C-alpha cells in the first residue's frame, strides 16, 4: 500500500521569504521524518509529497497513492486546512484525518462552538466582532477573552487577550482586525483549569485515549510563544481522577458533534463553577513525536508514538475501506 504524505515544511516557506509568524503552524523536518518512519515500520511504501503547491503538481503529473497521510495546514484564508482534503476528494484519493467541511468549521472557533453547543456541549458565551464600532453593542460580562476567530497554534493570543474594560477590549479587537484581517472572537473568560484531550476514531468508535492539564507559569495564556517554549513556561500532567470522566465525555461529545474523524484533540477549560467547557477542536493536531500535545498526552497513558500512528492508520483504513 502506497502512502503519500502531505505537509507544510516550515523551512520550505522560510527559504521563500515567508516570516516565522506566517509559518508558525508549519512542521519541522523531524516531524515529517517521524511520520515517514512510522508508516514504513507499519509496512507501507511512503512518498513525501509536500505542500498543496507540490500536491497540485504531482496530481497534474498523474501521480496516485492508495492513501494520503495529510498534515498540511495550508497558507491563506479560513479554508486553508480544507484545501488538501478538497483536492484529494476531487481525485477520489482517500486520506487520513477529517474532510474539508470539518476542517473549515473547526478552524473557525465561532462556528465550532455553535455546532457543539447545539449538541448540548457547554461553551462560554461569545460573539464575533467585525468592526471596532460594534464593541458598544457587546452585552457580555467582563472579564473577556479576545482572539482571532480562525488561527491555530495560539496565534493572536497574548497577555493582552484577557481584557477587563471597554478600552482594553477595543485595543485588542482593533489589533486583531488589522493584524490578522479576520473577525475577533470575544468570549466571557473561563477562569478555571485548562485541559486537552486526545481522540482516536470516528463516530461511535471514537474514544478519548487520554488527556492532560495544561499549567502555564503565572497563568499565562497558551499562546504561540508559550507553546514553542513550553519547556520554560508550561507543565503538563495527566487528568486527575476527579475530572477525567467529565473531560473525556465532553471531548468525545464535541468531537462527534463536529463529525471529526481518525484522530485529533479537543481543548477544554473550566468555568467559574468548575464546569468543563469546550474551547476548540483540533482535527489536524500536531504530530511532532516530542513536542506536540497529542503525542505528549498519549505517552502519559502508555501509548508511544509508533502505536499512536498505528491506531490512527487503522481507523483511517477502516473508515475508508482502503484495504
C-alpha atoms as a PDB file:
ATOM      1  CA  UNK A   1       0.000   0.000   0.000  1.00  0.00           C
ATOM      2  CA  UNK A   2       1.476   3.327  -1.085  1.00  0.00           C
ATOM      3  CA  UNK A   3       1.045   6.189   1.387  1.00  0.00           C
ATOM      4  CA  UNK A   4       1.628   9.775   0.294  1.00  0.00           C
ATOM      5  CA  UNK A   5       2.373  12.332   2.997  1.00  0.00           C
ATOM      6  CA  UNK A   6       1.245  15.946   2.597  1.00  0.00           C
ATOM      7  CA  UNK A   7       2.747  18.557   4.888  1.00  0.00           C
ATOM      8  CA  UNK A   8       3.784  22.199   5.112  1.00  0.00           C
ATOM      9  CA  UNK A   9       7.512  22.230   5.821  1.00  0.00           C
ATOM     10  CA  UNK A  10       8.443  25.378   7.696  1.00  0.00           C
ATOM     11  CA  UNK A  11      11.908  25.607   6.137  1.00  0.00           C
ATOM     12  CA  UNK A  12      10.441  25.391   2.609  1.00  0.00           C
ATOM     13  CA  UNK A  13       8.439  28.579   3.227  1.00  0.00           C
ATOM     14  CA  UNK A  14      11.196  30.375   5.154  1.00  0.00           C
ATOM     15  CA  UNK A  15      13.542  29.803   2.211  1.00  0.00           C
ATOM     16  CA  UNK A  16      11.000  31.602   0.031  1.00  0.00           C
ATOM     17  CA  UNK A  17      10.731  34.720   2.192  1.00  0.00           C
ATOM     18  CA  UNK A  18       7.832  33.895   4.497  1.00  0.00           C
ATOM     19  CA  UNK A  19       8.151  35.016   8.124  1.00  0.00           C
ATOM     20  CA  UNK A  20       8.403  32.958  11.298  1.00  0.00           C
ATOM     21  CA  UNK A  21       4.928  34.172  12.306  1.00  0.00           C
ATOM     22  CA  UNK A  22       3.397  33.232   8.951  1.00  0.00           C
ATOM     23  CA  UNK A  23       4.850  29.731   9.272  1.00  0.00           C
ATOM     24  CA  UNK A  24       4.176  29.198  12.986  1.00  0.00           C
ATOM     25  CA  UNK A  25       1.720  26.368  12.315  1.00  0.00           C
ATOM     26  CA  UNK A  26       4.003  24.506   9.913  1.00  0.00           C
ATOM     27  CA  UNK A  27       6.088  21.419  10.597  1.00  0.00           C
ATOM     28  CA  UNK A  28       9.793  20.788  11.008  1.00  0.00           C
ATOM     29  CA  UNK A  29      11.577  18.122   9.000  1.00  0.00           C
ATOM     30  CA  UNK A  30      11.818  15.919  12.090  1.00  0.00           C
ATOM     31  CA  UNK A  31       8.020  15.619  12.213  1.00  0.00           C
ATOM     32  CA  UNK A  32       7.804  14.548   8.574  1.00  0.00           C
ATOM     33  CA  UNK A  33      10.658  12.092   9.084  1.00  0.00           C
ATOM     34  CA  UNK A  34       8.965  10.606  12.169  1.00  0.00           C
ATOM     35  CA  UNK A  35       5.683  10.047  10.324  1.00  0.00           C
ATOM     36  CA  UNK A  36       7.528   8.617   7.319  1.00  0.00           C
ATOM     37  CA  UNK A  37       9.423   6.156   9.550  1.00  0.00           C
ATOM     38  CA  UNK A  38       6.263   5.160  11.428  1.00  0.00           C
ATOM     39  CA  UNK A  39       4.499   4.414   8.128  1.00  0.00           C
ATOM     40  CA  UNK A  40       7.462   2.335   6.918  1.00  0.00           C
ATOM     41  CA  UNK A  41       7.503   0.435  10.221  1.00  0.00           C
ATOM     42  CA  UNK A  42       3.861  -0.448   9.534  1.00  0.00           C
ATOM     43  CA  UNK A  43       4.864  -1.915   6.184  1.00  0.00           C
ATOM     44  CA  UNK A  44       3.708   0.894   3.912  1.00  0.00           C
ATOM     45  CA  UNK A  45       5.581   2.324   0.948  1.00  0.00           C
ATOM     46  CA  UNK A  46       5.860   6.081   1.502  1.00  0.00           C
ATOM     47  CA  UNK A  47       6.046   9.122  -0.749  1.00  0.00           C
ATOM     48  CA  UNK A  48       6.644  12.504   0.957  1.00  0.00           C
ATOM     49  CA  UNK A  49       4.584  14.769  -1.315  1.00  0.00           C
ATOM     50  CA  UNK A  50       4.929  18.142   0.397  1.00  0.00           C
ATOM     51  CA  UNK A  51       2.549  21.095   0.490  1.00  0.00           C
ATOM     52  CA  UNK A  52      -0.528  21.990  -1.552  1.00  0.00           C
ATOM     53  CA  UNK A  53       1.566  23.516  -4.356  1.00  0.00           C
ATOM     54  CA  UNK A  54       3.589  20.318  -4.633  1.00  0.00           C
ATOM     55  CA  UNK A  55       0.471  18.150  -4.374  1.00  0.00           C
ATOM     56  CA  UNK A  56      -1.138  20.032  -7.266  1.00  0.00           C
ATOM     57  CA  UNK A  57       1.963  19.483  -9.385  1.00  0.00           C
ATOM     58  CA  UNK A  58       2.010  15.782  -8.520  1.00  0.00           C
ATOM     59  CA  UNK A  59      -1.695  15.330  -9.298  1.00  0.00           C
ATOM     60  CA  UNK A  60      -1.304  17.190 -12.601  1.00  0.00           C
ATOM     61  CA  UNK A  61       1.542  14.835 -13.456  1.00  0.00           C
ATOM     62  CA  UNK A  62      -0.761  11.866 -12.891  1.00  0.00           C
ATOM     63  CA  UNK A  63       0.665  10.589  -9.608  1.00  0.00           C
ATOM     64  CA  UNK A  64      -1.571   8.407  -7.418  1.00  0.00           C
ATOM     65  CA  UNK A  65      -1.460   6.968  -3.924  1.00  0.00           C
ATOM     66  CA  UNK A  66      -3.579   4.363  -2.144  1.00  0.00           C
ATOM     67  CA  UNK A  67      -3.990   6.816   0.731  1.00  0.00           C
ATOM     68  CA  UNK A  68      -2.561  10.177   1.773  1.00  0.00           C
ATOM     69  CA  UNK A  69      -1.497  10.954   5.334  1.00  0.00           C
ATOM     70  CA  UNK A  70      -2.393  14.638   5.424  1.00  0.00           C
ATOM     71  CA  UNK A  71      -0.915  17.085   7.928  1.00  0.00           C
ATOM     72  CA  UNK A  72      -0.863  20.114   5.578  1.00  0.00           C
ATOM     73  CA  UNK A  73      -2.103  23.246   7.345  1.00  0.00           C
ATOM     74  CA  UNK A  74      -2.434  25.486   4.283  1.00  0.00           C
ATOM     75  CA  UNK A  75      -1.324  29.063   3.900  1.00  0.00           C
ATOM     76  CA  UNK A  76      -4.124  31.553   3.227  1.00  0.00           C
ATOM     77  CA  UNK A  77      -7.745  32.124   4.209  1.00  0.00           C
ATOM     78  CA  UNK A  78     -10.130  30.497   6.634  1.00  0.00           C
ATOM     79  CA  UNK A  79     -10.411  27.445   4.357  1.00  0.00           C
ATOM     80  CA  UNK A  80      -6.668  26.785   4.246  1.00  0.00           C
ATOM     81  CA  UNK A  81      -6.865  23.497   6.161  1.00  0.00           C
ATOM     82  CA  UNK A  82      -9.616  22.370   3.783  1.00  0.00           C
ATOM     83  CA  UNK A  83      -7.573  22.766   0.596  1.00  0.00           C
ATOM     84  CA  UNK A  84      -5.651  19.476   0.572  1.00  0.00           C
ATOM     85  CA  UNK A  85      -8.649  17.320   1.609  1.00  0.00           C
ATOM     86  CA  UNK A  86     -10.777  19.016  -1.063  1.00  0.00           C
ATOM     87  CA  UNK A  87      -8.161  18.359  -3.741  1.00  0.00           C
ATOM     88  CA  UNK A  88      -7.884  14.712  -2.715  1.00  0.00           C
ATOM     89  CA  UNK A  89     -11.678  14.370  -2.728  1.00  0.00           C
ATOM     90  CA  UNK A  90     -11.726  15.711  -6.281  1.00  0.00           C
ATOM     91  CA  UNK A  91      -9.285  12.983  -7.347  1.00  0.00           C
ATOM     92  CA  UNK A  92     -11.040  10.358  -5.210  1.00  0.00           C
ATOM     93  CA  UNK A  93      -7.915   9.604  -3.226  1.00  0.00           C
ATOM     94  CA  UNK A  94      -8.614   8.528   0.380  1.00  0.00           C
ATOM     95  CA  UNK A  95      -6.778  10.365   3.136  1.00  0.00           C
ATOM     96  CA  UNK A  96      -6.178  10.329   6.861  1.00  0.00           C
ATOM     97  CA  UNK A  97      -7.988  12.869   9.085  1.00  0.00           C
ATOM     98  CA  UNK A  98     -11.088  14.965   8.567  1.00  0.00           C
ATOM     99  CA  UNK A  99     -12.514  16.302   5.330  1.00  0.00           C
ATOM    100  CA  UNK A 100     -12.782  19.892   4.088  1.00  0.00           C
ATOM    101  CA  UNK A 101     -16.062  20.799   5.792  1.00  0.00           C
ATOM    102  CA  UNK A 102     -14.967  19.593   9.233  1.00  0.00           C
ATOM    103  CA  UNK A 103     -11.567  21.263   8.816  1.00  0.00           C
ATOM    104  CA  UNK A 104     -13.180  24.579   7.868  1.00  0.00           C
ATOM    105  CA  UNK A 105     -15.769  24.573  10.636  1.00  0.00           C
ATOM    106  CA  UNK A 106     -13.231  23.551  13.278  1.00  0.00           C
ATOM    107  CA  UNK A 107     -10.744  26.232  12.243  1.00  0.00           C
ATOM    108  CA  UNK A 108     -13.467  28.833  12.720  1.00  0.00           C
ATOM    109  CA  UNK A 109     -13.761  28.744  16.510  1.00  0.00           C
ATOM    110  CA  UNK A 110     -17.089  30.587  16.486  1.00  0.00           C
ATOM    111  CA  UNK A 111     -18.748  28.139  14.101  1.00  0.00           C
ATOM    112  CA  UNK A 112     -17.301  25.189  16.013  1.00  0.00           C
ATOM    113  CA  UNK A 113     -18.803  26.492  19.254  1.00  0.00           C
ATOM    114  CA  UNK A 114     -22.209  26.925  17.620  1.00  0.00           C
ATOM    115  CA  UNK A 115     -22.124  23.344  16.334  1.00  0.00           C
ATOM    116  CA  UNK A 116     -21.089  21.709  19.597  1.00  0.00           C
ATOM    117  CA  UNK A 117     -23.402  23.902  21.685  1.00  0.00           C
ATOM    118  CA  UNK A 118     -26.322  22.736  19.545  1.00  0.00           C
ATOM    119  CA  UNK A 119     -25.499  19.201  20.745  1.00  0.00           C
ATOM    120  CA  UNK A 120     -25.547  20.261  24.389  1.00  0.00           C
ATOM    121  CA  UNK A 121     -21.807  20.698  24.916  1.00  0.00           C
ATOM    122  CA  UNK A 122     -21.078  23.537  27.393  1.00  0.00           C
ATOM    123  CA  UNK A 123     -19.364  26.630  25.922  1.00  0.00           C
ATOM    124  CA  UNK A 124     -18.667  30.156  27.112  1.00  0.00           C
ATOM    125  CA  UNK A 125     -20.851  32.996  25.846  1.00  0.00           C
ATOM    126  CA  UNK A 126     -19.281  34.830  22.947  1.00  0.00           C
ATOM    127  CA  UNK A 127     -19.730  36.657  19.676  1.00  0.00           C
ATOM    128  CA  UNK A 128     -17.827  37.815  16.622  1.00  0.00           C
ATOM    129  CA  UNK A 129     -16.721  41.415  16.166  1.00  0.00           C
ATOM    130  CA  UNK A 130     -16.174  42.518  12.571  1.00  0.00           C
ATOM    131  CA  UNK A 131     -15.747  46.235  13.271  1.00  0.00           C
ATOM    132  CA  UNK A 132     -14.484  48.237  16.278  1.00  0.00           C
ATOM    133  CA  UNK A 133     -17.737  50.216  16.207  1.00  0.00           C
ATOM    134  CA  UNK A 134     -19.597  47.019  17.164  1.00  0.00           C
ATOM    135  CA  UNK A 135     -17.892  46.928  20.557  1.00  0.00           C
ATOM    136  CA  UNK A 136     -20.544  49.196  22.080  1.00  0.00           C
ATOM    137  CA  UNK A 137     -23.173  46.567  21.224  1.00  0.00           C
ATOM    138  CA  UNK A 138     -21.439  43.803  23.188  1.00  0.00           C
ATOM    139  CA  UNK A 139     -23.513  42.583  26.125  1.00  0.00           C
ATOM    140  CA  UNK A 140     -21.129  40.164  27.819  1.00  0.00           C
ATOM    141  CA  UNK A 141     -19.771  40.141  31.347  1.00  0.00           C
ATOM    142  CA  UNK A 142     -16.163  41.204  31.914  1.00  0.00           C
ATOM    143  CA  UNK A 143     -13.510  39.891  32.052  1.00  0.00           C
ATOM    144  CA  UNK A 144     -13.492  38.848  28.409  1.00  0.00           C
ATOM    145  CA  UNK A 145     -11.048  36.895  26.294  1.00  0.00           C
ATOM    146  CA  UNK A 146     -10.290  38.073  22.742  1.00  0.00           C
ATOM    147  CA  UNK A 147      -8.623  36.120  19.936  1.00  0.00           C
ATOM    148  CA  UNK A 148      -8.683  35.760  16.135  1.00  0.00           C
ATOM    149  CA  UNK A 149     -11.544  33.536  15.042  1.00  0.00           C
ATOM    150  CA  UNK A 150      -9.579  31.363  12.598  1.00  0.00           C
ATOM    151  CA  UNK A 151      -5.994  30.968  13.756  1.00  0.00           C
ATOM    152  CA  UNK A 152      -4.195  27.957  15.168  1.00  0.00           C
ATOM    153  CA  UNK A 153      -1.204  27.216  17.396  1.00  0.00           C
ATOM    154  CA  UNK A 154      -2.167  30.069  19.716  1.00  0.00           C
ATOM    155  CA  UNK A 155      -1.501  32.756  17.081  1.00  0.00           C
ATOM    156  CA  UNK A 156      -3.006  36.101  18.041  1.00  0.00           C
ATOM    157  CA  UNK A 157      -3.208  35.212  21.734  1.00  0.00           C
ATOM    158  CA  UNK A 158      -1.140  37.417  24.049  1.00  0.00           C
ATOM    159  CA  UNK A 159      -1.138  38.613  27.645  1.00  0.00           C
ATOM    160  CA  UNK A 160      -3.480  41.363  26.432  1.00  0.00           C
ATOM    161  CA  UNK A 161      -6.087  38.833  25.288  1.00  0.00           C
ATOM    162  CA  UNK A 162      -7.704  38.919  28.731  1.00  0.00           C
ATOM    163  CA  UNK A 163      -9.489  42.275  28.933  1.00  0.00           C
ATOM    164  CA  UNK A 164     -11.304  43.952  31.813  1.00  0.00           C
ATOM    165  CA  UNK A 165     -12.621  47.170  30.260  1.00  0.00           C
ATOM    166  CA  UNK A 166     -14.112  48.592  27.088  1.00  0.00           C
ATOM    167  CA  UNK A 167     -10.847  50.424  26.334  1.00  0.00           C
ATOM    168  CA  UNK A 168      -8.796  47.227  26.595  1.00  0.00           C
ATOM    169  CA  UNK A 169     -11.387  45.391  24.531  1.00  0.00           C
ATOM    170  CA  UNK A 170     -11.283  47.990  21.773  1.00  0.00           C
ATOM    171  CA  UNK A 171      -7.473  47.935  21.695  1.00  0.00           C
ATOM    172  CA  UNK A 172      -7.325  44.155  21.348  1.00  0.00           C
ATOM    173  CA  UNK A 173     -10.141  43.895  18.798  1.00  0.00           C
ATOM    174  CA  UNK A 174      -8.628  46.652  16.656  1.00  0.00           C
ATOM    175  CA  UNK A 175      -5.229  44.926  16.696  1.00  0.00           C
ATOM    176  CA  UNK A 176      -6.712  41.574  15.634  1.00  0.00           C
ATOM    177  CA  UNK A 177      -8.760  43.110  12.834  1.00  0.00           C
ATOM    178  CA  UNK A 178      -5.711  44.939  11.467  1.00  0.00           C
ATOM    179  CA  UNK A 179      -3.069  42.278  12.109  1.00  0.00           C
ATOM    180  CA  UNK A 180      -4.981  39.160  11.040  1.00  0.00           C
ATOM    181  CA  UNK A 181      -7.625  40.637   8.718  1.00  0.00           C
ATOM    182  CA  UNK A 182     -10.346  38.476  10.218  1.00  0.00           C
ATOM    183  CA  UNK A 183     -13.059  38.892  12.866  1.00  0.00           C
ATOM    184  CA  UNK A 184     -12.202  38.843  16.545  1.00  0.00           C
ATOM    185  CA  UNK A 185     -13.899  36.265  18.740  1.00  0.00           C
ATOM    186  CA  UNK A 186     -14.911  37.838  22.057  1.00  0.00           C
ATOM    187  CA  UNK A 187     -15.874  35.424  24.828  1.00  0.00           C
ATOM    188  CA  UNK A 188     -16.660  35.547  28.508  1.00  0.00           C
ATOM    189  CA  UNK A 189     -13.456  34.419  30.189  1.00  0.00           C
ATOM    190  CA  UNK A 190     -13.245  30.905  31.563  1.00  0.00           C
ATOM    191  CA  UNK A 191     -11.116  31.267  34.722  1.00  0.00           C
ATOM    192  CA  UNK A 192     -10.710  27.581  35.575  1.00  0.00           C
ATOM    193  CA  UNK A 193      -8.204  24.852  34.767  1.00  0.00           C
ATOM    194  CA  UNK A 194      -7.277  24.112  31.151  1.00  0.00           C
ATOM    195  CA  UNK A 195      -7.147  20.664  29.545  1.00  0.00           C
ATOM    196  CA  UNK A 196      -6.600  18.976  26.214  1.00  0.00           C
ATOM    197  CA  UNK A 197      -7.944  15.525  25.363  1.00  0.00           C
ATOM    198  CA  UNK A 198      -6.726  13.198  22.617  1.00  0.00           C
ATOM    199  CA  UNK A 199      -9.317  11.437  20.487  1.00  0.00           C
ATOM    200  CA  UNK A 200      -8.884   8.456  18.165  1.00  0.00           C
ATOM    201  CA  UNK A 201     -11.693   7.190  15.964  1.00  0.00           C
ATOM    202  CA  UNK A 202     -14.852   8.368  14.277  1.00  0.00           C
ATOM    203  CA  UNK A 203     -18.494   8.389  15.343  1.00  0.00           C
ATOM    204  CA  UNK A 204     -19.439   5.620  17.740  1.00  0.00           C
ATOM    205  CA  UNK A 205     -15.904   4.224  17.624  1.00  0.00           C
ATOM    206  CA  UNK A 206     -14.398   7.468  18.925  1.00  0.00           C
ATOM    207  CA  UNK A 207     -12.526   7.110  22.198  1.00  0.00           C
ATOM    208  CA  UNK A 208     -10.608   9.510  24.396  1.00  0.00           C
ATOM    209  CA  UNK A 209      -7.162   7.928  24.654  1.00  0.00           C
ATOM    210  CA  UNK A 210      -6.102  10.304  27.396  1.00  0.00           C
ATOM    211  CA  UNK A 211      -5.823  13.910  28.376  1.00  0.00           C
ATOM    212  CA  UNK A 212      -3.659  16.345  30.246  1.00  0.00           C
ATOM    213  CA  UNK A 213      -3.955  19.519  32.238  1.00  0.00           C
ATOM    214  CA  UNK A 214      -2.047  22.482  30.821  1.00  0.00           C
ATOM    215  CA  UNK A 215      -0.491  24.630  33.552  1.00  0.00           C
ATOM    216  CA  UNK A 216       1.327  27.794  32.455  1.00  0.00           C
ATOM    217  CA  UNK A 217       3.728  29.872  34.522  1.00  0.00           C
ATOM    218  CA  UNK A 218       1.991  32.885  36.009  1.00  0.00           C
ATOM    219  CA  UNK A 219      -1.265  31.774  34.416  1.00  0.00           C
ATOM    220  CA  UNK A 220      -0.033  32.944  31.014  1.00  0.00           C
ATOM    221  CA  UNK A 221      -2.390  32.317  28.092  1.00  0.00           C
ATOM    222  CA  UNK A 222      -1.452  29.270  25.985  1.00  0.00           C
ATOM    223  CA  UNK A 223      -0.074  31.405  23.142  1.00  0.00           C
ATOM    224  CA  UNK A 224       2.194  30.507  20.226  1.00  0.00           C
ATOM    225  CA  UNK A 225       5.207  31.823  22.169  1.00  0.00           C
ATOM    226  CA  UNK A 226       4.326  29.737  25.218  1.00  0.00           C
ATOM    227  CA  UNK A 227       3.717  26.628  23.099  1.00  0.00           C
ATOM    228  CA  UNK A 228       7.023  26.976  21.240  1.00  0.00           C
ATOM    229  CA  UNK A 229       8.868  27.364  24.563  1.00  0.00           C
ATOM    230  CA  UNK A 230       6.708  25.024  26.599  1.00  0.00           C
ATOM    231  CA  UNK A 231       9.685  23.584  28.496  1.00  0.00           C
ATOM    232  CA  UNK A 232      10.183  27.009  30.105  1.00  0.00           C
ATOM    233  CA  UNK A 233       6.570  28.118  30.541  1.00  0.00           C
ATOM    234  CA  UNK A 234       4.385  25.008  30.853  1.00  0.00           C
ATOM    235  CA  UNK A 235       3.910  21.888  32.848  1.00  0.00           C
ATOM    236  CA  UNK A 236       1.629  19.068  31.807  1.00  0.00           C
ATOM    237  CA  UNK A 237       0.046  16.401  33.948  1.00  0.00           C
ATOM    238  CA  UNK A 238      -2.370  13.563  33.288  1.00  0.00           C
ATOM    239  CA  UNK A 239      -6.002  14.219  34.119  1.00  0.00           C
ATOM    240  CA  UNK A 240      -6.885  13.941  37.810  1.00  0.00           C
ATOM    241  CA  UNK A 241      -9.350  11.185  38.661  1.00  0.00           C
ATOM    242  CA  UNK A 242     -11.977  13.690  39.807  1.00  0.00           C
ATOM    243  CA  UNK A 243     -12.077  15.416  36.423  1.00  0.00           C
ATOM    244  CA  UNK A 244     -11.081  12.693  33.942  1.00  0.00           C
ATOM    245  CA  UNK A 245     -14.529  11.303  33.126  1.00  0.00           C
ATOM    246  CA  UNK A 246     -16.081  14.722  32.587  1.00  0.00           C
ATOM    247  CA  UNK A 247     -13.213  15.896  30.361  1.00  0.00           C
ATOM    248  CA  UNK A 248     -13.322  12.763  28.234  1.00  0.00           C
ATOM    249  CA  UNK A 249     -17.123  12.821  27.940  1.00  0.00           C
ATOM    250  CA  UNK A 250     -17.230  16.483  26.875  1.00  0.00           C
ATOM    251  CA  UNK A 251     -14.357  15.983  24.424  1.00  0.00           C
ATOM    252  CA  UNK A 252     -15.856  12.948  22.699  1.00  0.00           C
ATOM    253  CA  UNK A 253     -19.287  14.599  22.510  1.00  0.00           C
ATOM    254  CA  UNK A 254     -17.763  17.700  20.883  1.00  0.00           C
ATOM    255  CA  UNK A 255     -15.669  15.576  18.516  1.00  0.00           C
ATOM    256  CA  UNK A 256     -18.710  13.687  17.311  1.00  0.00           C
ATOM    257  CA  UNK A 257     -20.845  16.833  17.088  1.00  0.00           C
ATOM    258  CA  UNK A 258     -18.319  18.207  14.604  1.00  0.00           C
ATOM    259  CA  UNK A 259     -18.072  14.909  12.738  1.00  0.00           C
ATOM    260  CA  UNK A 260     -14.295  14.779  13.042  1.00  0.00           C
ATOM    261  CA  UNK A 261     -12.548  11.506  12.174  1.00  0.00           C
ATOM    262  CA  UNK A 262      -9.465   9.362  12.775  1.00  0.00           C
ATOM    263  CA  UNK A 263      -7.673  11.400  15.455  1.00  0.00           C
ATOM    264  CA  UNK A 264      -7.155  14.839  16.927  1.00  0.00           C
ATOM    265  CA  UNK A 265      -7.502  16.883  20.085  1.00  0.00           C
ATOM    266  CA  UNK A 266     -10.229  18.780  21.878  1.00  0.00           C
ATOM    267  CA  UNK A 267      -9.283  21.704  24.121  1.00  0.00           C
ATOM    268  CA  UNK A 268     -11.315  22.393  27.243  1.00  0.00           C
ATOM    269  CA  UNK A 269     -11.432  24.866  30.134  1.00  0.00           C
ATOM    270  CA  UNK A 270     -13.422  25.060  33.350  1.00  0.00           C
ATOM    271  CA  UNK A 271     -15.803  27.937  34.037  1.00  0.00           C
ATOM    272  CA  UNK A 272     -16.109  29.740  37.373  1.00  0.00           C
ATOM    273  CA  UNK A 273     -18.275  26.902  38.707  1.00  0.00           C
ATOM    274  CA  UNK A 274     -15.836  24.185  37.646  1.00  0.00           C
ATOM    275  CA  UNK A 275     -17.971  23.018  34.720  1.00  0.00           C
ATOM    276  CA  UNK A 276     -15.869  21.748  31.792  1.00  0.00           C
ATOM    277  CA  UNK A 277     -16.456  23.782  28.634  1.00  0.00           C
ATOM    278  CA  UNK A 278     -15.392  23.304  25.022  1.00  0.00           C
ATOM    279  CA  UNK A 279     -12.828  25.793  23.677  1.00  0.00           C
ATOM    280  CA  UNK A 280     -11.889  24.372  20.291  1.00  0.00           C
ATOM    281  CA  UNK A 281     -11.262  21.177  18.337  1.00  0.00           C
ATOM    282  CA  UNK A 282      -8.062  20.298  16.537  1.00  0.00           C
ATOM    283  CA  UNK A 283      -8.811  17.708  13.825  1.00  0.00           C
ATOM    284  CA  UNK A 284      -5.349  18.402  12.384  1.00  0.00           C
ATOM    285  CA  UNK A 285      -3.370  18.097  15.605  1.00  0.00           C
ATOM    286  CA  UNK A 286       0.404  18.419  15.628  1.00  0.00           C
ATOM    287  CA  UNK A 287       2.337  15.150  15.393  1.00  0.00           C
ATOM    288  CA  UNK A 288       5.871  16.041  16.335  1.00  0.00           C
ATOM    289  CA  UNK A 289       6.926  12.967  18.338  1.00  0.00           C
ATOM    290  CA  UNK A 290       8.497  15.034  21.132  1.00  0.00           C
ATOM    291  CA  UNK A 291       6.891  18.463  21.265  1.00  0.00           C
ATOM    292  CA  UNK A 292       3.256  18.120  20.093  1.00  0.00           C
ATOM    293  CA  UNK A 293       0.438  17.880  22.621  1.00  0.00           C
ATOM    294  CA  UNK A 294      -1.211  14.731  21.205  1.00  0.00           C
ATOM    295  CA  UNK A 295       1.928  12.537  21.366  1.00  0.00           C
ATOM    296  CA  UNK A 296       2.809  14.027  24.758  1.00  0.00           C
ATOM    297  CA  UNK A 297      -0.544  13.156  26.328  1.00  0.00           C
ATOM    298  CA  UNK A 298      -0.611   9.754  24.609  1.00  0.00           C
ATOM    299  CA  UNK A 299       2.698   8.845  26.268  1.00  0.00           C
ATOM    300  CA  UNK A 300       1.192   9.691  29.656  1.00  0.00           C
ATOM    301  CA  UNK A 301      -1.239   6.827  29.061  1.00  0.00           C
ATOM    302  CA  UNK A 302       1.346   4.329  27.800  1.00  0.00           C
ATOM    303  CA  UNK A 303       0.818   4.954  24.083  1.00  0.00           C
ATOM    304  CA  UNK A 304       4.144   5.505  22.348  1.00  0.00           C
ATOM    305  CA  UNK A 305       4.434   7.372  19.052  1.00  0.00           C
ATOM    306  CA  UNK A 306       4.569   4.295  16.818  1.00  0.00           C
ATOM    307  CA  UNK A 307       1.477   2.849  18.474  1.00  0.00           C
ATOM    308  CA  UNK A 308      -0.369   6.159  18.165  1.00  0.00           C
ATOM    309  CA  UNK A 309       0.320   6.318  14.427  1.00  0.00           C
ATOM    310  CA  UNK A 310      -0.758   2.688  14.055  1.00  0.00           C
ATOM    311  CA  UNK A 311      -4.044   3.428  15.836  1.00  0.00           C
ATOM    312  CA  UNK A 312      -4.653   6.392  13.521  1.00  0.00           C
ATOM    313  CA  UNK A 313      -3.934   4.372  10.370  1.00  0.00           C
ATOM    314  CA  UNK A 314      -6.180   1.516  11.460  1.00  0.00           C
ATOM    315  CA  UNK A 315      -9.044   3.978  11.961  1.00  0.00           C
ATOM    316  CA  UNK A 316      -8.459   5.655   8.596  1.00  0.00           C
ATOM    317  CA  UNK A 317      -8.252   2.362   6.722  1.00  0.00           C
ATOM    318  CA  UNK A 318     -11.358   1.021   8.421  1.00  0.00           C
ATOM    319  CA  UNK A 319     -13.254   4.231   7.675  1.00  0.00           C
ATOM    320  CA  UNK A 320     -12.254   4.397   4.010  1.00  0.00           C
ATOM    321  CA  UNK A 321     -12.182   0.632   3.341  1.00  0.00           C
ATOM    322  CA  UNK A 322      -8.809   1.127   1.682  1.00  0.00           C
ATOM    323  CA  UNK A 323      -7.706  -2.478   2.081  1.00  0.00           C
END
